C-alpha atoms as a PDB file:
ATOM      1  CA  MET A   1     -10.962  17.166 166.575  1.00  0.00           C
ATOM      2  CA  SER A   2      -8.479  17.456 168.693  1.00  0.00           C
ATOM      3  CA  ASP A   3      -5.164  15.969 168.931  1.00  0.00           C
ATOM      4  CA  ASP A   4      -6.069  14.238 172.221  1.00  0.00           C
ATOM      5  CA  SER A   5      -8.966  12.299 170.460  1.00  0.00           C
ATOM      6  CA  LEU A   6      -6.766  11.228 167.567  1.00  0.00           C
ATOM      7  CA  ARG A   7      -3.799  10.121 169.736  1.00  0.00           C
ATOM      8  CA  THR A   8      -6.521   8.237 171.642  1.00  0.00           C
ATOM      9  CA  ALA A   9      -7.589   6.917 168.486  1.00  0.00           C
ATOM     10  CA  ARG A  10      -4.336   5.407 167.442  1.00  0.00           C
ATOM     11  CA  TRP A  11      -3.458   3.712 170.666  1.00  0.00           C
ATOM     12  CA  LEU A  12      -6.784   2.101 170.599  1.00  0.00           C
ATOM     13  CA  LEU A  13      -6.430   1.119 167.109  1.00  0.00           C
ATOM     14  CA  ALA A  14      -3.111  -0.888 168.122  1.00  0.00           C
ATOM     15  CA  VAL A  15      -4.483  -2.453 171.148  1.00  0.00           C
ATOM     16  CA  VAL A  16      -7.558  -3.435 169.050  1.00  0.00           C
ATOM     17  CA  VAL A  17      -5.245  -5.183 166.122  1.00  0.00           C
ATOM     18  CA  PHE A  18      -3.426  -6.540 168.658  1.00  0.00           C
ATOM     19  CA  LEU A  19      -6.524  -8.221 170.636  1.00  0.00           C
ATOM     20  CA  ILE A  20      -7.818  -9.172 166.589  1.00  0.00           C
ATOM     21  CA  LEU A  21      -4.594 -10.542 165.945  1.00  0.00           C
ATOM     22  CA  TYR A  22      -4.111 -12.716 169.619  1.00  0.00           C
ATOM     23  CA  GLY A  23      -7.742 -13.848 169.276  1.00  0.00           C
ATOM     24  CA  SER A  24      -7.851 -14.821 166.059  1.00  0.00           C
ATOM     25  CA  LEU A  25      -4.634 -16.830 166.083  1.00  0.00           C
ATOM     26  CA  PHE A  26      -4.247 -18.050 169.682  1.00  0.00           C
ATOM     27  CA  PRO A  27      -3.308 -20.918 171.006  1.00  0.00           C
ATOM     28  CA  PHE A  28      -0.040 -20.002 167.982  1.00  0.00           C
ATOM     29  CA  ARG A  29       0.906 -23.611 167.701  1.00  0.00           C
ATOM     30  CA  PHE A  30       1.361 -23.330 163.708  1.00  0.00           C
ATOM     31  CA  ALA A  31       2.856 -26.066 161.326  1.00  0.00           C
ATOM     32  CA  ASP A  32       2.975 -26.331 158.204  1.00  0.00           C
ATOM     33  CA  PRO A  33      -0.047 -28.234 156.173  1.00  0.00           C
ATOM     34  CA  GLY A  34       2.214 -28.780 153.237  1.00  0.00           C
ATOM     35  CA  VAL A  35       0.325 -26.005 151.009  1.00  0.00           C
ATOM     36  CA  ASP A  36       1.125 -26.134 147.440  1.00  0.00           C
ATOM     37  CA  GLY A  37       0.641 -22.531 146.168  1.00  0.00           C
ATOM     38  CA  ILE A  38      -1.854 -19.500 146.610  1.00  0.00           C
ATOM     39  CA  ALA A  39      -4.899 -21.971 144.712  1.00  0.00           C
ATOM     40  CA  ASP A  40      -4.223 -24.708 147.380  1.00  0.00           C
ATOM     41  CA  LEU A  41      -4.170 -22.636 150.243  1.00  0.00           C
ATOM     42  CA  LEU A  42      -7.582 -21.204 149.441  1.00  0.00           C
ATOM     43  CA  ARG A  43      -8.866 -24.524 148.632  1.00  0.00           C
ATOM     44  CA  ARG A  44      -8.198 -25.284 152.336  1.00  0.00           C
ATOM     45  CA  LEU A  45     -10.317 -22.867 153.804  1.00  0.00           C
ATOM     46  CA  THR A  46     -13.426 -24.761 155.070  1.00  0.00           C
ATOM     47  CA  TRP A  47     -17.029 -23.375 154.368  1.00  0.00           C
ATOM     48  CA  ALA A  48     -18.232 -24.233 157.775  1.00  0.00           C
ATOM     49  CA  ARG A  49     -20.750 -22.066 158.962  1.00  0.00           C
ATOM     50  CA  GLY A  50     -19.778 -20.744 162.464  1.00  0.00           C
ATOM     51  CA  THR A  51     -22.237 -20.608 165.552  1.00  0.00           C
ATOM     52  CA  ARG A  52     -24.151 -17.888 166.575  1.00  0.00           C
ATOM     53  CA  SER A  53     -21.207 -16.831 169.297  1.00  0.00           C
ATOM     54  CA  ASP A  54     -18.681 -16.590 166.603  1.00  0.00           C
ATOM     55  CA  MET A  55     -20.414 -14.602 164.393  1.00  0.00           C
ATOM     56  CA  ALA A  56     -21.516 -12.196 167.337  1.00  0.00           C
ATOM     57  CA  ALA A  57     -17.450 -12.006 168.301  1.00  0.00           C
ATOM     58  CA  ASN A  58     -16.548 -11.271 165.002  1.00  0.00           C
ATOM     59  CA  LEU A  59     -18.943  -8.683 164.704  1.00  0.00           C
ATOM     60  CA  LEU A  60     -17.945  -7.280 168.145  1.00  0.00           C
ATOM     61  CA  LEU A  61     -14.111  -7.653 167.456  1.00  0.00           C
ATOM     62  CA  TYR A  62     -14.135  -5.974 164.571  1.00  0.00           C
ATOM     63  CA  LEU A  63     -16.547  -2.926 165.797  1.00  0.00           C
ATOM     64  CA  PRO A  64     -13.671  -0.865 167.019  1.00  0.00           C
ATOM     65  CA  PHE A  65     -11.519  -1.264 164.662  1.00  0.00           C
ATOM     66  CA  GLY A  66     -13.717   0.395 162.225  1.00  0.00           C
ATOM     67  CA  ALA A  67     -14.807   2.839 164.740  1.00  0.00           C
ATOM     68  CA  CYS A  68     -11.045   3.982 165.242  1.00  0.00           C
ATOM     69  CA  LEU A  69     -10.357   3.922 161.819  1.00  0.00           C
ATOM     70  CA  ALA A  70     -13.118   5.926 160.457  1.00  0.00           C
ATOM     71  CA  TRP A  71     -11.943   8.275 163.443  1.00  0.00           C
ATOM     72  CA  LEU A  72      -8.437   9.224 162.267  1.00  0.00           C
ATOM     73  CA  TRP A  73      -9.252   8.771 158.367  1.00  0.00           C
ATOM     74  CA  ALA A  74     -12.430  11.433 158.922  1.00  0.00           C
ATOM     75  CA  PRO A  75     -10.779  14.563 159.109  1.00  0.00           C
ATOM     76  CA  ARG A  76      -8.437  13.972 155.806  1.00  0.00           C
ATOM     77  CA  LEU A  77     -10.511  12.162 154.112  1.00  0.00           C
ATOM     78  CA  GLY A  78     -14.330  13.241 155.211  1.00  0.00           C
ATOM     79  CA  GLY A  79     -17.227  10.969 156.307  1.00  0.00           C
ATOM     80  CA  ALA A  80     -18.062   8.669 153.255  1.00  0.00           C
ATOM     81  CA  LEU A  81     -14.232   8.352 152.153  1.00  0.00           C
ATOM     82  CA  ALA A  82     -13.207   7.415 155.449  1.00  0.00           C
ATOM     83  CA  LEU A  83     -16.187   4.716 155.831  1.00  0.00           C
ATOM     84  CA  VAL A  84     -15.046   3.341 152.194  1.00  0.00           C
ATOM     85  CA  ALA A  85     -11.339   2.846 153.761  1.00  0.00           C
ATOM     86  CA  ALA A  86     -12.467   1.685 157.000  1.00  0.00           C
ATOM     87  CA  LEU A  87     -14.545  -1.070 154.872  1.00  0.00           C
ATOM     88  CA  VAL A  88     -11.548  -1.898 152.566  1.00  0.00           C
ATOM     89  CA  ALA A  89      -9.126  -2.205 155.533  1.00  0.00           C
ATOM     90  CA  GLY A  90     -11.692  -4.475 157.518  1.00  0.00           C
ATOM     91  CA  ALA A  91     -11.935  -6.408 154.166  1.00  0.00           C
ATOM     92  CA  LEU A  92      -8.381  -6.854 153.955  1.00  0.00           C
ATOM     93  CA  LEU A  93      -7.617  -8.017 157.416  1.00  0.00           C
ATOM     94  CA  SER A  94      -9.801 -10.420 157.657  1.00  0.00           C
ATOM     95  CA  PRO A  95      -9.264 -12.885 154.899  1.00  0.00           C
ATOM     96  CA  ALA A  96      -5.077 -12.004 155.833  1.00  0.00           C
ATOM     97  CA  ILE A  97      -6.515 -13.703 159.230  1.00  0.00           C
ATOM     98  CA  GLU A  98      -8.416 -16.589 157.934  1.00  0.00           C
ATOM     99  CA  LEU A  99      -5.604 -17.478 155.505  1.00  0.00           C
ATOM    100  CA  ALA A 100      -3.037 -17.229 158.583  1.00  0.00           C
ATOM    101  CA  GLN A 101      -5.505 -19.578 160.293  1.00  0.00           C
ATOM    102  CA  VAL A 102      -5.006 -22.675 157.533  1.00  0.00           C
ATOM    103  CA  TYR A 103      -1.045 -22.859 159.129  1.00  0.00           C
ATOM    104  CA  GLU A 104      -2.778 -22.560 163.012  1.00  0.00           C
ATOM    105  CA  THR A 105      -3.214 -26.308 164.004  1.00  0.00           C
ATOM    106  CA  ARG A 106      -6.267 -25.774 166.558  1.00  0.00           C
ATOM    107  CA  ARG A 107      -7.977 -23.018 164.497  1.00  0.00           C
ATOM    108  CA  GLY A 108     -10.682 -23.549 161.547  1.00  0.00           C
ATOM    109  CA  SER A 109     -10.649 -21.149 158.722  1.00  0.00           C
ATOM    110  CA  SER A 110     -13.688 -19.900 157.151  1.00  0.00           C
ATOM    111  CA  PRO A 111     -14.185 -17.553 154.517  1.00  0.00           C
ATOM    112  CA  GLY A 112     -17.709 -17.369 156.312  1.00  0.00           C
ATOM    113  CA  ASP A 113     -16.340 -15.116 158.633  1.00  0.00           C
ATOM    114  CA  ILE A 114     -15.042 -12.185 156.371  1.00  0.00           C
ATOM    115  CA  GLY A 115     -18.817 -10.842 156.274  1.00  0.00           C
ATOM    116  CA  GLY A 116     -19.188 -10.636 159.939  1.00  0.00           C
ATOM    117  CA  THR A 117     -15.931  -9.086 160.308  1.00  0.00           C
ATOM    118  CA  THR A 118     -16.459  -6.258 157.423  1.00  0.00           C
ATOM    119  CA  ALA A 119     -19.888  -6.098 159.026  1.00  0.00           C
ATOM    120  CA  GLY A 120     -18.666  -5.350 162.211  1.00  0.00           C
ATOM    121  CA  THR A 121     -16.108  -2.868 160.620  1.00  0.00           C
ATOM    122  CA  GLY A 122     -18.400  -1.026 158.779  1.00  0.00           C
ATOM    123  CA  LEU A 123     -20.694  -0.770 162.025  1.00  0.00           C
ATOM    124  CA  GLY A 124     -17.972   0.523 163.885  1.00  0.00           C
ATOM    125  CA  ALA A 125     -17.107   3.233 161.264  1.00  0.00           C
ATOM    126  CA  VAL A 126     -20.547   4.544 160.701  1.00  0.00           C
ATOM    127  CA  LEU A 127     -20.912   4.603 164.550  1.00  0.00           C
ATOM    128  CA  ALA A 128     -17.713   6.456 164.917  1.00  0.00           C
ATOM    129  CA  LEU A 129     -18.615   8.913 162.177  1.00  0.00           C
ATOM    130  CA  ALA A 130     -22.307   9.671 163.781  1.00  0.00           C
ATOM    131  CA  LEU A 131     -20.244  10.443 167.211  1.00  0.00           C
ATOM    132  CA  ARG A 132     -17.892  12.891 165.007  1.00  0.00           C
ATOM    133  CA  SER A 133     -20.986  14.684 163.526  1.00  0.00           C
ATOM    134  CA  ALA A 134     -23.011  14.611 167.245  1.00  0.00           C
ATOM    135  CA  GLY A 135     -20.041  15.899 168.843  1.00  0.00           C
ATOM    136  CA  ALA A 136     -21.500  19.971 169.619  1.00  0.00           C
ATOM    137  CA  SER A 137     -24.665  18.501 170.726  1.00  0.00           C
ATOM    138  CA  LEU A 138     -22.963  15.567 172.788  1.00  0.00           C
ATOM    139  CA  ARG A 139     -20.878  18.378 174.465  1.00  0.00           C
ATOM    140  CA  ARG A 140     -23.917  19.656 176.763  1.00  0.00           C
ATOM    141  CA  HIS A 141     -24.994  15.852 177.275  1.00  0.00           C
ATOM    142  CA  PRO A 142     -24.260  13.912 179.955  1.00  0.00           C
ATOM    143  CA  LEU A 143     -22.893  11.160 177.821  1.00  0.00           C
ATOM    144  CA  ASP A 144     -19.851  13.632 177.071  1.00  0.00           C
ATOM    145  CA  GLN A 145     -18.382  13.132 180.485  1.00  0.00           C
ATOM    146  CA  VAL A 146     -18.141   8.940 179.255  1.00  0.00           C
ATOM    147  CA  LEU A 147     -16.994   9.948 175.962  1.00  0.00           C
ATOM    148  CA  SER A 148     -14.171  12.419 177.077  1.00  0.00           C
ATOM    149  CA  HIS A 149     -12.110   8.942 178.238  1.00  0.00           C
ATOM    150  CA  PRO A 150     -12.574   6.552 175.257  1.00  0.00           C
ATOM    151  CA  ILE A 151     -10.019   4.236 176.406  1.00  0.00           C
ATOM    152  CA  ALA A 152     -12.226   3.974 180.043  1.00  0.00           C
ATOM    153  CA  ALA A 153     -15.383   3.831 178.513  1.00  0.00           C
ATOM    154  CA  ALA A 154     -13.919   1.034 176.036  1.00  0.00           C
ATOM    155  CA  LEU A 155     -12.580  -0.872 178.842  1.00  0.00           C
ATOM    156  CA  VAL A 156     -16.116  -0.933 180.538  1.00  0.00           C
ATOM    157  CA  PHE A 157     -17.427  -2.097 177.388  1.00  0.00           C
ATOM    158  CA  LEU A 158     -15.112  -5.208 176.808  1.00  0.00           C
ATOM    159  CA  TRP A 159     -15.606  -5.532 180.389  1.00  0.00           C
ATOM    160  CA  VAL A 160     -19.333  -6.078 179.725  1.00  0.00           C
ATOM    161  CA  CYS A 161     -18.355  -8.453 176.851  1.00  0.00           C
ATOM    162  CA  TYR A 162     -16.557 -10.444 178.535  1.00  0.00           C
ATOM    163  CA  ARG A 163     -18.678 -11.157 181.509  1.00  0.00           C
ATOM    164  CA  LEU A 164     -20.969 -11.823 178.626  1.00  0.00           C
ATOM    165  CA  VAL A 165     -19.106 -14.395 176.940  1.00  0.00           C
ATOM    166  CA  PRO A 166     -20.014 -17.215 175.420  1.00  0.00           C
ATOM    167  CA  PHE A 167     -22.727 -14.797 173.877  1.00  0.00           C
ATOM    168  CA  ALA A 168     -24.902 -16.349 171.519  1.00  0.00           C
ATOM    169  CA  PRO A 169     -28.394 -14.454 170.872  1.00  0.00           C
ATOM    170  CA  VAL A 170     -31.210 -15.908 171.664  1.00  0.00           C
ATOM    171  CA  LEU A 171     -35.000 -15.206 170.514  1.00  0.00           C
ATOM    172  CA  GLY A 172     -36.763 -16.176 173.547  1.00  0.00           C
ATOM    173  CA  PRO A 173     -37.925 -13.484 176.160  1.00  0.00           C
ATOM    174  CA  GLY A 174     -37.762 -16.286 178.954  1.00  0.00           C
ATOM    175  CA  GLN A 175     -33.588 -16.198 178.424  1.00  0.00           C
ATOM    176  CA  TRP A 176     -33.821 -12.532 178.283  1.00  0.00           C
ATOM    177  CA  LEU A 177     -34.448 -12.387 181.568  1.00  0.00           C
ATOM    178  CA  GLY A 178     -31.165 -14.023 182.941  1.00  0.00           C
ATOM    179  CA  ALA A 179     -29.016 -12.533 180.552  1.00  0.00           C
ATOM    180  CA  PRO A 180     -27.955  -9.588 182.593  1.00  0.00           C
ATOM    181  CA  ALA A 181     -26.681 -11.980 185.682  1.00  0.00           C
ATOM    182  CA  PRO A 182     -23.240 -12.338 184.819  1.00  0.00           C
ATOM    183  CA  LEU A 183     -23.150  -8.483 185.073  1.00  0.00           C
ATOM    184  CA  ALA A 184     -23.746  -8.609 188.545  1.00  0.00           C
ATOM    185  CA  GLY A 185     -20.900 -11.155 189.242  1.00  0.00           C
ATOM    186  CA  GLY A 186     -23.088 -13.930 189.911  1.00  0.00           C
ATOM    187  CA  PRO A 187     -22.812 -17.200 188.198  1.00  0.00           C
ATOM    188  CA  PRO A 188     -24.276 -17.465 184.689  1.00  0.00           C
ATOM    189  CA  ALA A 189     -27.514 -18.574 184.430  1.00  0.00           C
ATOM    190  CA  PRO A 190     -27.989 -22.495 183.316  1.00  0.00           C
ATOM    191  CA  PRO A 191     -28.616 -22.822 179.799  1.00  0.00           C
ATOM    192  CA  ARG A 192     -31.982 -23.934 178.743  1.00  0.00           C
END
């Protein structure tokens, strides 16, 4: 791949890591919970089940993280090793964030989040590797114009996600019809 795509992936990775740290540790009100060693720290993790919107947010927040890592590491490691390395990086970053949230007074730390974040990392890595392998055929495709500006495409994607917050997947087709209303800039549909 070109040096431009690798440079863009590095910058996007830095932005994504910043957003993960910021989004996971906000409002930055840290306090000493009186932890007595690592075993006590691990016991303070709550096993509360997250909401669907928390699970979706974890998945979507780590998706670009995995994509950037796989995009950067694939030329050196090959596709399979880049996927494994991205999964390991996501599986290490997520518990570190959860342990840091023990010290943040307004956040809940749950080991249950680790599965969603690791899945998001893996899904992002798979998507990046699929995009990388399909690169030659995409050059003749209209999507090439969008993908040639990955930062702009990422910003549009993040804006769409912002407009859909709070995102909570539903299975009722009746609610699907009102779901695109936030994209038009109108008020969100009232919950049913």
